[in-house]
Amino acid sequence: MIYILFDYFLIMILKKIGVLSLAKVYSALMALMGLIFGLFFTLINFSLPTLSEMPGPYNLIGVWAIIFLPIFYGILGFVAGGTTAWIYNLVAKYIGGLELDFDKN
């Protein structure tokens, strides 16, 4: 990291992102989104009488959404986060990193 101090502001340049670190954060955020979407699908499934009264697996679509959407979104988030960090590190190596501006206080 490069530190440049101007009066009250500290400018830092982000040269590299940990691939596993960003992958874990993306995975957790996307799993949370999957849970929210799963709850939304469950609400819709139980509010529609035609789907909730049908025999077979159709009446459990919402419950399956709560279980599988967070897992699916978490896996996709892990892959997307790792890919994003890897591409950022590759690009930052050649053109420089992001310039971040922090307040000294």
PDB file of N, CA and C in Angstrom:
ATOM      1  N   MET A   1       0.833  -1.168   0.000  1.00  0.00           N
ATOM      2  CA  MET A   1       0.000   0.000   0.000  1.00  0.00           C
ATOM      3  C   MET A   1       0.886   1.242   0.000  1.00  0.00           C
ATOM      4  N   ILE A   2       0.447   2.221  -0.704  1.00  0.00           N
ATOM      5  CA  ILE A   2       1.153   3.491  -0.765  1.00  0.00           C
ATOM      6  C   ILE A   2       0.353   4.507   0.034  1.00  0.00           C
ATOM      7  N   TYR A   3       1.003   5.197   0.939  1.00  0.00           N
ATOM      8  CA  TYR A   3       0.340   6.185   1.776  1.00  0.00           C
ATOM      9  C   TYR A   3       0.784   7.581   1.355  1.00  0.00           C
ATOM     10  N   ILE A   4      -0.159   8.429   1.058  1.00  0.00           N
ATOM     11  CA  ILE A   4       0.121   9.822   0.746  1.00  0.00           C
ATOM     12  C   ILE A   4      -0.716  10.649   1.700  1.00  0.00           C
ATOM     13  N   LEU A   5      -0.071  11.493   2.503  1.00  0.00           N
ATOM     14  CA  LEU A   5      -0.780  12.245   3.529  1.00  0.00           C
ATOM     15  C   LEU A   5      -0.890  13.708   3.110  1.00  0.00           C
ATOM     16  N   PHE A   6      -2.119  14.187   2.985  1.00  0.00           N
ATOM     17  CA  PHE A   6      -2.396  15.595   2.714  1.00  0.00           C
ATOM     18  C   PHE A   6      -3.231  16.125   3.867  1.00  0.00           C
ATOM     19  N   ASP A   7      -2.686  16.988   4.671  1.00  0.00           N
ATOM     20  CA  ASP A   7      -3.367  17.622   5.803  1.00  0.00           C
ATOM     21  C   ASP A   7      -4.210  16.620   6.587  1.00  0.00           C
ATOM     22  N   TYR A   8      -5.500  16.537   6.270  1.00  0.00           N
ATOM     23  CA  TYR A   8      -6.400  15.681   7.043  1.00  0.00           C
ATOM     24  C   TYR A   8      -6.812  14.414   6.300  1.00  0.00           C
ATOM     25  N   PHE A   9      -6.377  14.244   5.102  1.00  0.00           N
ATOM     26  CA  PHE A   9      -6.821  13.107   4.298  1.00  0.00           C
ATOM     27  C   PHE A   9      -5.659  12.152   4.047  1.00  0.00           C
ATOM     28  N   LEU A  10      -5.955  10.904   4.064  1.00  0.00           N
ATOM     29  CA  LEU A  10      -4.977   9.869   3.790  1.00  0.00           C
ATOM     30  C   LEU A  10      -5.420   9.149   2.524  1.00  0.00           C
ATOM     31  N   ILE A  11      -4.614   9.217   1.495  1.00  0.00           N
ATOM     32  CA  ILE A  11      -4.943   8.550   0.235  1.00  0.00           C
ATOM     33  C   ILE A  11      -4.144   7.260   0.167  1.00  0.00           C
ATOM     34  N   MET A  12      -4.851   6.159  -0.022  1.00  0.00           N
ATOM     35  CA  MET A  12      -4.212   4.852  -0.103  1.00  0.00           C
ATOM     36  C   MET A  12      -4.564   4.224  -1.439  1.00  0.00           C
ATOM     37  N   ILE A  13      -3.653   3.453  -1.961  1.00  0.00           N
ATOM     38  CA  ILE A  13      -3.887   2.768  -3.226  1.00  0.00           C
ATOM     39  C   ILE A  13      -3.976   1.268  -2.953  1.00  0.00           C
ATOM     40  N   LEU A  14      -5.101   0.704  -3.312  1.00  0.00           N
ATOM     41  CA  LEU A  14      -5.338  -0.726  -3.122  1.00  0.00           C
ATOM     42  C   LEU A  14      -4.689  -1.484  -4.267  1.00  0.00           C
ATOM     43  N   LYS A  15      -3.607  -2.165  -3.982  1.00  0.00           N
ATOM     44  CA  LYS A  15      -2.845  -2.871  -5.013  1.00  0.00           C
ATOM     45  C   LYS A  15      -3.310  -4.301  -5.234  1.00  0.00           C
ATOM     46  N   LYS A  16      -3.824  -4.940  -4.164  1.00  0.00           N
ATOM     47  CA  LYS A  16      -4.168  -6.358  -4.279  1.00  0.00           C
ATOM     48  C   LYS A  16      -5.314  -6.679  -3.333  1.00  0.00           C
ATOM     49  N   ILE A  17      -6.197  -7.561  -3.773  1.00  0.00           N
ATOM     50  CA  ILE A  17      -7.306  -8.050  -2.963  1.00  0.00           C
ATOM     51  C   ILE A  17      -7.101  -9.542  -2.732  1.00  0.00           C
ATOM     52  N   GLY A  18      -7.276  -9.984  -1.509  1.00  0.00           N
ATOM     53  CA  GLY A  18      -7.179 -11.411  -1.214  1.00  0.00           C
ATOM     54  C   GLY A  18      -8.322 -12.167  -1.895  1.00  0.00           C
ATOM     55  N   VAL A  19      -7.994 -13.109  -2.735  1.00  0.00           N
ATOM     56  CA  VAL A  19      -9.003 -13.828  -3.522  1.00  0.00           C
ATOM     57  C   VAL A  19      -9.961 -14.577  -2.603  1.00  0.00           C
ATOM     58  N   LEU A  20      -9.438 -15.317  -1.659  1.00  0.00           N
ATOM     59  CA  LEU A  20     -10.290 -16.081  -0.752  1.00  0.00           C
ATOM     60  C   LEU A  20     -11.111 -15.161   0.157  1.00  0.00           C
ATOM     61  N   SER A  21     -10.517 -14.053   0.558  1.00  0.00           N
ATOM     62  CA  SER A  21     -11.215 -13.102   1.420  1.00  0.00           C
ATOM     63  C   SER A  21     -12.443 -12.519   0.719  1.00  0.00           C
ATOM     64  N   LEU A  22     -12.278 -12.026  -0.502  1.00  0.00           N
ATOM     65  CA  LEU A  22     -13.410 -11.467  -1.232  1.00  0.00           C
ATOM     66  C   LEU A  22     -14.415 -12.552  -1.599  1.00  0.00           C
ATOM     67  N   ALA A  23     -13.950 -13.749  -1.893  1.00  0.00           N
ATOM     68  CA  ALA A  23     -14.858 -14.850  -2.220  1.00  0.00           C
ATOM     69  C   ALA A  23     -15.749 -15.183  -1.027  1.00  0.00           C
ATOM     70  N   LYS A  24     -15.191 -15.172   0.183  1.00  0.00           N
ATOM     71  CA  LYS A  24     -15.994 -15.458   1.371  1.00  0.00           C
ATOM     72  C   LYS A  24     -17.024 -14.361   1.632  1.00  0.00           C
ATOM     73  N   VAL A  25     -16.627 -13.109   1.445  1.00  0.00           N
ATOM     74  CA  VAL A  25     -17.557 -11.998   1.666  1.00  0.00           C
ATOM     75  C   VAL A  25     -18.686 -12.047   0.639  1.00  0.00           C
ATOM     76  N   TYR A  26     -18.357 -12.230  -0.630  1.00  0.00           N
ATOM     77  CA  TYR A  26     -19.383 -12.351  -1.674  1.00  0.00           C
ATOM     78  C   TYR A  26     -20.306 -13.528  -1.379  1.00  0.00           C
ATOM     79  N   SER A  27     -19.737 -14.630  -0.948  1.00  0.00           N
ATOM     80  CA  SER A  27     -20.527 -15.819  -0.663  1.00  0.00           C
ATOM     81  C   SER A  27     -21.531 -15.551   0.452  1.00  0.00           C
ATOM     82  N   ALA A  28     -21.099 -14.897   1.512  1.00  0.00           N
ATOM     83  CA  ALA A  28     -22.002 -14.600   2.628  1.00  0.00           C
ATOM     84  C   ALA A  28     -23.093 -13.628   2.204  1.00  0.00           C
ATOM     85  N   LEU A  29     -22.735 -12.594   1.451  1.00  0.00           N
ATOM     86  CA  LEU A  29     -23.730 -11.629   0.996  1.00  0.00           C
ATOM     87  C   LEU A  29     -24.746 -12.267   0.042  1.00  0.00           C
ATOM     88  N   MET A  30     -24.267 -13.089  -0.860  1.00  0.00           N
ATOM     89  CA  MET A  30     -25.179 -13.725  -1.812  1.00  0.00           C
ATOM     90  C   MET A  30     -26.045 -14.779  -1.132  1.00  0.00           C
ATOM     91  N   ALA A  31     -25.516 -15.476  -0.135  1.00  0.00           N
ATOM     92  CA  ALA A  31     -26.343 -16.436   0.613  1.00  0.00           C
ATOM     93  C   ALA A  31     -27.457 -15.707   1.352  1.00  0.00           C
ATOM     94  N   LEU A  32     -27.155 -14.535   1.895  1.00  0.00           N
ATOM     95  CA  LEU A  32     -28.187 -13.726   2.542  1.00  0.00           C
ATOM     96  C   LEU A  32     -29.251 -13.295   1.527  1.00  0.00           C
ATOM     97  N   MET A  33     -28.815 -12.904   0.345  1.00  0.00           N
ATOM     98  CA  MET A  33     -29.772 -12.546  -0.714  1.00  0.00           C
ATOM     99  C   MET A  33     -30.621 -13.756  -1.099  1.00  0.00           C
ATOM    100  N   GLY A  34     -30.002 -14.927  -1.175  1.00  0.00           N
ATOM    101  CA  GLY A  34     -30.746 -16.142  -1.483  1.00  0.00           C
ATOM    102  C   GLY A  34     -31.789 -16.448  -0.417  1.00  0.00           C
ATOM    103  N   LEU A  35     -31.464 -16.202   0.837  1.00  0.00           N
ATOM    104  CA  LEU A  35     -32.434 -16.414   1.910  1.00  0.00           C
ATOM    105  C   LEU A  35     -33.601 -15.433   1.783  1.00  0.00           C
ATOM    106  N   ILE A  36     -33.303 -14.185   1.466  1.00  0.00           N
ATOM    107  CA  ILE A  36     -34.370 -13.190   1.282  1.00  0.00           C
ATOM    108  C   ILE A  36     -35.262 -13.578   0.115  1.00  0.00           C
ATOM    109  N   PHE A  37     -34.659 -13.982  -1.007  1.00  0.00           N
ATOM    110  CA  PHE A  37     -35.453 -14.419  -2.161  1.00  0.00           C
ATOM    111  C   PHE A  37     -36.255 -15.677  -1.838  1.00  0.00           C
ATOM    112  N   GLY A  38     -35.650 -16.594  -1.078  1.00  0.00           N
ATOM    113  CA  GLY A  38     -36.364 -17.806  -0.682  1.00  0.00           C
ATOM    114  C   GLY A  38     -37.576 -17.501   0.178  1.00  0.00           C
ATOM    115  N   LEU A  39     -37.422 -16.561   1.106  1.00  0.00           N
ATOM    116  CA  LEU A  39     -38.566 -16.145   1.917  1.00  0.00           C
ATOM    117  C   LEU A  39     -39.648 -15.495   1.063  1.00  0.00           C
ATOM    118  N   PHE A  40     -39.230 -14.709   0.083  1.00  0.00           N
ATOM    119  CA  PHE A  40     -40.175 -14.079  -0.827  1.00  0.00           C
ATOM    120  C   PHE A  40     -40.938 -15.132  -1.637  1.00  0.00           C
ATOM    121  N   PHE A  41     -40.233 -16.119  -2.164  1.00  0.00           N
ATOM    122  CA  PHE A  41     -40.894 -17.188  -2.922  1.00  0.00           C
ATOM    123  C   PHE A  41     -41.834 -18.002  -2.039  1.00  0.00           C
ATOM    124  N   THR A  42     -41.452 -18.225  -0.795  1.00  0.00           N
ATOM    125  CA  THR A  42     -42.322 -18.947   0.128  1.00  0.00           C
ATOM    126  C   THR A  42     -43.594 -18.173   0.390  1.00  0.00           C
ATOM    127  N   LEU A  43     -43.457 -16.887   0.587  1.00  0.00           N
ATOM    128  CA  LEU A  43     -44.629 -16.040   0.800  1.00  0.00           C
ATOM    129  C   LEU A  43     -45.559 -16.086  -0.407  1.00  0.00           C
ATOM    130  N   ILE A  44     -44.998 -16.002  -1.588  1.00  0.00           N
ATOM    131  CA  ILE A  44     -45.822 -16.078  -2.802  1.00  0.00           C
ATOM    132  C   ILE A  44     -46.452 -17.458  -2.938  1.00  0.00           C
ATOM    133  N   ASN A  45     -45.689 -18.503  -2.665  1.00  0.00           N
ATOM    134  CA  ASN A  45     -46.198 -19.868  -2.806  1.00  0.00           C
ATOM    135  C   ASN A  45     -47.373 -20.131  -1.874  1.00  0.00           C
ATOM    136  N   PHE A  46     -47.263 -19.688  -0.639  1.00  0.00           N
ATOM    137  CA  PHE A  46     -48.347 -19.949   0.308  1.00  0.00           C
ATOM    138  C   PHE A  46     -49.516 -18.993   0.144  1.00  0.00           C
ATOM    139  N   SER A  47     -49.304 -17.881  -0.542  1.00  0.00           N
ATOM    140  CA  SER A  47     -50.415 -16.951  -0.750  1.00  0.00           C
ATOM    141  C   SER A  47     -51.245 -17.317  -1.980  1.00  0.00           C
ATOM    142  N   LEU A  48     -50.707 -18.128  -2.852  1.00  0.00           N
ATOM    143  CA  LEU A  48     -51.458 -18.560  -4.035  1.00  0.00           C
ATOM    144  C   LEU A  48     -52.140 -19.887  -3.735  1.00  0.00           C
ATOM    145  N   PRO A  49     -53.437 -19.906  -3.681  1.00  0.00           N
ATOM    146  CA  PRO A  49     -54.127 -21.144  -3.286  1.00  0.00           C
ATOM    147  C   PRO A  49     -53.956 -22.275  -4.287  1.00  0.00           C
ATOM    148  N   THR A  50     -53.782 -21.960  -5.554  1.00  0.00           N
ATOM    149  CA  THR A  50     -53.663 -23.036  -6.543  1.00  0.00           C
ATOM    150  C   THR A  50     -52.370 -23.822  -6.363  1.00  0.00           C
ATOM    151  N   LEU A  51     -51.280 -23.131  -6.011  1.00  0.00           N
ATOM    152  CA  LEU A  51     -50.017 -23.840  -5.820  1.00  0.00           C
ATOM    153  C   LEU A  51     -49.970 -24.569  -4.484  1.00  0.00           C
ATOM    154  N   SER A  52     -50.471 -23.946  -3.435  1.00  0.00           N
ATOM    155  CA  SER A  52     -50.363 -24.569  -2.121  1.00  0.00           C
ATOM    156  C   SER A  52     -51.309 -25.749  -1.945  1.00  0.00           C
ATOM    157  N   GLU A  53     -52.346 -25.856  -2.770  1.00  0.00           N
ATOM    158  CA  GLU A  53     -53.293 -26.967  -2.660  1.00  0.00           C
ATOM    159  C   GLU A  53     -52.986 -28.109  -3.617  1.00  0.00           C
ATOM    160  N   MET A  54     -52.014 -27.937  -4.497  1.00  0.00           N
ATOM    161  CA  MET A  54     -51.694 -28.993  -5.458  1.00  0.00           C
ATOM    162  C   MET A  54     -50.969 -30.136  -4.759  1.00  0.00           C
ATOM    163  N   PRO A  55     -51.253 -31.345  -5.137  1.00  0.00           N
ATOM    164  CA  PRO A  55     -50.544 -32.479  -4.530  1.00  0.00           C
ATOM    165  C   PRO A  55     -49.120 -32.570  -5.083  1.00  0.00           C
ATOM    166  N   GLY A  56     -48.291 -33.218  -4.330  1.00  0.00           N
ATOM    167  CA  GLY A  56     -46.925 -33.443  -4.790  1.00  0.00           C
ATOM    168  C   GLY A  56     -45.973 -32.358  -4.335  1.00  0.00           C
ATOM    169  N   PRO A  57     -44.863 -32.222  -5.053  1.00  0.00           N
ATOM    170  CA  PRO A  57     -43.817 -31.296  -4.612  1.00  0.00           C
ATOM    171  C   PRO A  57     -44.155 -29.826  -4.866  1.00  0.00           C
ATOM    172  N   TYR A  58     -45.226 -29.541  -5.584  1.00  0.00           N
ATOM    173  CA  TYR A  58     -45.528 -28.152  -5.916  1.00  0.00           C
ATOM    174  C   TYR A  58     -45.899 -27.323  -4.690  1.00  0.00           C
ATOM    175  N   ASN A  59     -46.489 -27.941  -3.697  1.00  0.00           N
ATOM    176  CA  ASN A  59     -46.866 -27.180  -2.513  1.00  0.00           C
ATOM    177  C   ASN A  59     -45.667 -26.885  -1.610  1.00  0.00           C
ATOM    178  N   LEU A  60     -44.522 -27.468  -1.894  1.00  0.00           N
ATOM    179  CA  LEU A  60     -43.328 -27.225  -1.077  1.00  0.00           C
ATOM    180  C   LEU A  60     -42.264 -26.413  -1.806  1.00  0.00           C
ATOM    181  N   ILE A  61     -42.632 -25.769  -2.912  1.00  0.00           N
ATOM    182  CA  ILE A  61     -41.645 -24.993  -3.668  1.00  0.00           C
ATOM    183  C   ILE A  61     -41.028 -23.907  -2.798  1.00  0.00           C
ATOM    184  N   GLY A  62     -41.843 -23.224  -2.016  1.00  0.00           N
ATOM    185  CA  GLY A  62     -41.330 -22.165  -1.158  1.00  0.00           C
ATOM    186  C   GLY A  62     -40.368 -22.675  -0.108  1.00  0.00           C
ATOM    187  N   VAL A  63     -40.677 -23.828   0.476  1.00  0.00           N
ATOM    188  CA  VAL A  63     -39.796 -24.403   1.505  1.00  0.00           C
ATOM    189  C   VAL A  63     -38.466 -24.825   0.880  1.00  0.00           C
ATOM    190  N   TRP A  64     -38.531 -25.413  -0.301  1.00  0.00           N
ATOM    191  CA  TRP A  64     -37.302 -25.789  -0.992  1.00  0.00           C
ATOM    192  C   TRP A  64     -36.499 -24.554  -1.383  1.00  0.00           C
ATOM    193  N   ALA A  65     -37.191 -23.468  -1.712  1.00  0.00           N
ATOM    194  CA  ALA A  65     -36.486 -22.229  -2.058  1.00  0.00           C
ATOM    195  C   ALA A  65     -35.707 -21.685  -0.867  1.00  0.00           C
ATOM    196  N   ILE A  66     -36.276 -21.789   0.329  1.00  0.00           N
ATOM    197  CA  ILE A  66     -35.566 -21.321   1.526  1.00  0.00           C
ATOM    198  C   ILE A  66     -34.308 -22.157   1.769  1.00  0.00           C
ATOM    199  N   ILE A  67     -34.357 -23.426   1.436  1.00  0.00           N
ATOM    200  CA  ILE A  67     -33.213 -24.310   1.668  1.00  0.00           C
ATOM    201  C   ILE A  67     -32.159 -24.161   0.570  1.00  0.00           C
ATOM    202  N   PHE A  68     -32.590 -24.222  -0.696  1.00  0.00           N
ATOM    203  CA  PHE A  68     -31.621 -24.311  -1.782  1.00  0.00           C
ATOM    204  C   PHE A  68     -31.140 -22.975  -2.336  1.00  0.00           C
ATOM    205  N   LEU A  69     -31.950 -21.932  -2.309  1.00  0.00           N
ATOM    206  CA  LEU A  69     -31.489 -20.654  -2.846  1.00  0.00           C
ATOM    207  C   LEU A  69     -30.292 -20.081  -2.084  1.00  0.00           C
ATOM    208  N   PRO A  70     -30.273 -20.099  -0.751  1.00  0.00           N
ATOM    209  CA  PRO A  70     -29.064 -19.604  -0.079  1.00  0.00           C
ATOM    210  C   PRO A  70     -27.812 -20.426  -0.408  1.00  0.00           C
ATOM    211  N   ILE A  71     -27.978 -21.731  -0.526  1.00  0.00           N
ATOM    212  CA  ILE A  71     -26.832 -22.577  -0.865  1.00  0.00           C
ATOM    213  C   ILE A  71     -26.353 -22.275  -2.285  1.00  0.00           C
ATOM    214  N   PHE A  72     -27.285 -22.209  -3.228  1.00  0.00           N
ATOM    215  CA  PHE A  72     -26.946 -21.944  -4.627  1.00  0.00           C
ATOM    216  C   PHE A  72     -26.336 -20.559  -4.785  1.00  0.00           C
ATOM    217  N   TYR A  73     -26.975 -19.556  -4.185  1.00  0.00           N
ATOM    218  CA  TYR A  73     -26.451 -18.197  -4.282  1.00  0.00           C
ATOM    219  C   TYR A  73     -25.103 -18.087  -3.576  1.00  0.00           C
ATOM    220  N   GLY A  74     -24.915 -18.793  -2.469  1.00  0.00           N
ATOM    221  CA  GLY A  74     -23.634 -18.764  -1.773  1.00  0.00           C
ATOM    222  C   GLY A  74     -22.510 -19.334  -2.616  1.00  0.00           C
ATOM    223  N   ILE A  75     -22.779 -20.428  -3.306  1.00  0.00           N
ATOM    224  CA  ILE A  75     -21.762 -21.025  -4.186  1.00  0.00           C
ATOM    225  C   ILE A  75     -21.451 -20.085  -5.345  1.00  0.00           C
ATOM    226  N   LEU A  76     -22.496 -19.532  -5.957  1.00  0.00           N
ATOM    227  CA  LEU A  76     -22.264 -18.584  -7.050  1.00  0.00           C
ATOM    228  C   LEU A  76     -21.514 -17.347  -6.559  1.00  0.00           C
ATOM    229  N   GLY A  77     -21.836 -16.877  -5.368  1.00  0.00           N
ATOM    230  CA  GLY A  77     -21.143 -15.720  -4.808  1.00  0.00           C
ATOM    231  C   GLY A  77     -19.679 -16.004  -4.539  1.00  0.00           C
ATOM    232  N   PHE A  78     -19.372 -17.214  -4.080  1.00  0.00           N
ATOM    233  CA  PHE A  78     -17.983 -17.594  -3.841  1.00  0.00           C
ATOM    234  C   PHE A  78     -17.191 -17.582  -5.144  1.00  0.00           C
ATOM    235  N   VAL A  79     -17.764 -18.158  -6.190  1.00  0.00           N
ATOM    236  CA  VAL A  79     -17.092 -18.192  -7.493  1.00  0.00           C
ATOM    237  C   VAL A  79     -16.958 -16.777  -8.060  1.00  0.00           C
ATOM    238  N   ALA A  80     -18.025 -15.983  -7.970  1.00  0.00           N
ATOM    239  CA  ALA A  80     -17.984 -14.618  -8.499  1.00  0.00           C
ATOM    240  C   ALA A  80     -16.999 -13.753  -7.729  1.00  0.00           C
ATOM    241  N   GLY A  81     -16.945 -13.890  -6.412  1.00  0.00           N
ATOM    242  CA  GLY A  81     -16.012 -13.110  -5.608  1.00  0.00           C
ATOM    243  C   GLY A  81     -14.562 -13.471  -5.894  1.00  0.00           C
ATOM    244  N   GLY A  82     -14.289 -14.759  -6.000  1.00  0.00           N
ATOM    245  CA  GLY A  82     -12.931 -15.187  -6.328  1.00  0.00           C
ATOM    246  C   GLY A  82     -12.503 -14.729  -7.706  1.00  0.00           C
ATOM    247  N   THR A  83     -13.418 -14.823  -8.657  1.00  0.00           N
ATOM    248  CA  THR A  83     -13.118 -14.383 -10.023  1.00  0.00           C
ATOM    249  C   THR A  83     -12.898 -12.878 -10.070  1.00  0.00           C
ATOM    250  N   THR A  84     -13.728 -12.134  -9.372  1.00  0.00           N
ATOM    251  CA  THR A  84     -13.590 -10.675  -9.344  1.00  0.00           C
ATOM    252  C   THR A  84     -12.258 -10.264  -8.742  1.00  0.00           C
ATOM    253  N   ALA A  85     -11.875 -10.862  -7.625  1.00  0.00           N
ATOM    254  CA  ALA A  85     -10.600 -10.524  -6.982  1.00  0.00           C
ATOM    255  C   ALA A  85      -9.424 -10.901  -7.879  1.00  0.00           C
ATOM    256  N   TRP A  86      -9.502 -12.042  -8.514  1.00  0.00           N
ATOM    257  CA  TRP A  86      -8.424 -12.481  -9.389  1.00  0.00           C
ATOM    258  C   TRP A  86      -8.258 -11.529 -10.567  1.00  0.00           C
ATOM    259  N   ILE A  87      -9.369 -11.137 -11.192  1.00  0.00           N
ATOM    260  CA  ILE A  87      -9.310 -10.208 -12.325  1.00  0.00           C
ATOM    261  C   ILE A  87      -8.806  -8.840 -11.860  1.00  0.00           C
ATOM    262  N   TYR A  88      -9.280  -8.370 -10.686  1.00  0.00           N
ATOM    263  CA  TYR A  88      -8.804  -7.087 -10.172  1.00  0.00           C
ATOM    264  C   TYR A  88      -7.293  -7.119  -9.955  1.00  0.00           C
ATOM    265  N   ASN A  89      -6.795  -8.180  -9.343  1.00  0.00           N
ATOM    266  CA  ASN A  89      -5.361  -8.278  -9.093  1.00  0.00           C
ATOM    267  C   ASN A  89      -4.573  -8.288 -10.391  1.00  0.00           C
ATOM    268  N   LEU A  90      -5.088  -8.953 -11.404  1.00  0.00           N
ATOM    269  CA  LEU A  90      -4.428  -8.998 -12.701  1.00  0.00           C
ATOM    270  C   LEU A  90      -4.388  -7.621 -13.347  1.00  0.00           C
ATOM    271  N   VAL A  91      -5.503  -6.917 -13.322  1.00  0.00           N
ATOM    272  CA  VAL A  91      -5.580  -5.588 -13.936  1.00  0.00           C
ATOM    273  C   VAL A  91      -4.775  -4.570 -13.123  1.00  0.00           C
ATOM    274  N   ALA A  92      -4.871  -4.629 -11.793  1.00  0.00           N
ATOM    275  CA  ALA A  92      -4.167  -3.674 -10.940  1.00  0.00           C
ATOM    276  C   ALA A  92      -2.657  -3.794 -11.072  1.00  0.00           C
ATOM    277  N   LYS A  93      -2.175  -4.969 -11.423  1.00  0.00           N
ATOM    278  CA  LYS A  93      -0.747  -5.173 -11.603  1.00  0.00           C
ATOM    279  C   LYS A  93      -0.214  -4.326 -12.759  1.00  0.00           C
ATOM    280  N   TYR A  94      -1.039  -4.134 -13.780  1.00  0.00           N
ATOM    281  CA  TYR A  94      -0.590  -3.421 -14.970  1.00  0.00           C
ATOM    282  C   TYR A  94      -0.971  -1.941 -14.994  1.00  0.00           C
ATOM    283  N   ILE A  95      -2.124  -1.582 -14.464  1.00  0.00           N
ATOM    284  CA  ILE A  95      -2.550  -0.187 -14.562  1.00  0.00           C
ATOM    285  C   ILE A  95      -2.605   0.518 -13.213  1.00  0.00           C
ATOM    286  N   GLY A  96      -2.291  -0.155 -12.148  1.00  0.00           N
ATOM    287  CA  GLY A  96      -2.341   0.451 -10.820  1.00  0.00           C
ATOM    288  C   GLY A  96      -3.636   0.073 -10.124  1.00  0.00           C
ATOM    289  N   GLY A  97      -3.691   0.406  -8.859  1.00  0.00           N
ATOM    290  CA  GLY A  97      -4.846   0.006  -8.076  1.00  0.00           C
ATOM    291  C   GLY A  97      -5.860   1.120  -7.921  1.00  0.00           C
ATOM    292  N   LEU A  98      -6.863   0.842  -7.116  1.00  0.00           N
ATOM    293  CA  LEU A  98      -7.879   1.834  -6.784  1.00  0.00           C
ATOM    294  C   LEU A  98      -7.300   2.841  -5.809  1.00  0.00           C
ATOM    295  N   GLU A  99      -7.620   4.090  -6.009  1.00  0.00           N
ATOM    296  CA  GLU A  99      -7.200   5.128  -5.082  1.00  0.00           C
ATOM    297  C   GLU A  99      -8.316   5.354  -4.084  1.00  0.00           C
ATOM    298  N   LEU A 100      -8.036   5.111  -2.815  1.00  0.00           N
ATOM    299  CA  LEU A 100      -9.005   5.259  -1.749  1.00  0.00           C
ATOM    300  C   LEU A 100      -8.644   6.474  -0.911  1.00  0.00           C
ATOM    301  N   ASP A 101      -9.622   7.289  -0.578  1.00  0.00           N
ATOM    302  CA  ASP A 101      -9.410   8.516   0.164  1.00  0.00           C
ATOM    303  C   ASP A 101     -10.060   8.371   1.541  1.00  0.00           C
ATOM    304  N   PHE A 102      -9.247   8.419   2.608  1.00  0.00           N
ATOM    305  CA  PHE A 102      -9.725   8.267   3.966  1.00  0.00           C
ATOM    306  C   PHE A 102      -9.533   9.562   4.749  1.00  0.00           C
ATOM    307  N   ASP A 103     -10.425   9.800   5.675  1.00  0.00           N
ATOM    308  CA  ASP A 103     -10.296  10.942   6.562  1.00  0.00           C
ATOM    309  C   ASP A 103      -9.397  10.538   7.715  1.00  0.00           C
ATOM    310  N   LYS A 104      -8.550  11.440   8.159  1.00  0.00           N
ATOM    311  CA  LYS A 104      -7.591  11.138   9.208  1.00  0.00           C
ATOM    312  C   LYS A 104      -8.261  10.926  10.570  1.00  0.00           C
ATOM    313  N   ASN A 105      -9.388  11.546  10.792  1.00  0.00           N
ATOM    314  CA  ASN A 105     -10.051  11.459  12.096  1.00  0.00           C
ATOM    315  C   ASN A 105     -10.628  10.134  12.316  1.00  0.00           C
TER     316      ASN A 105
END
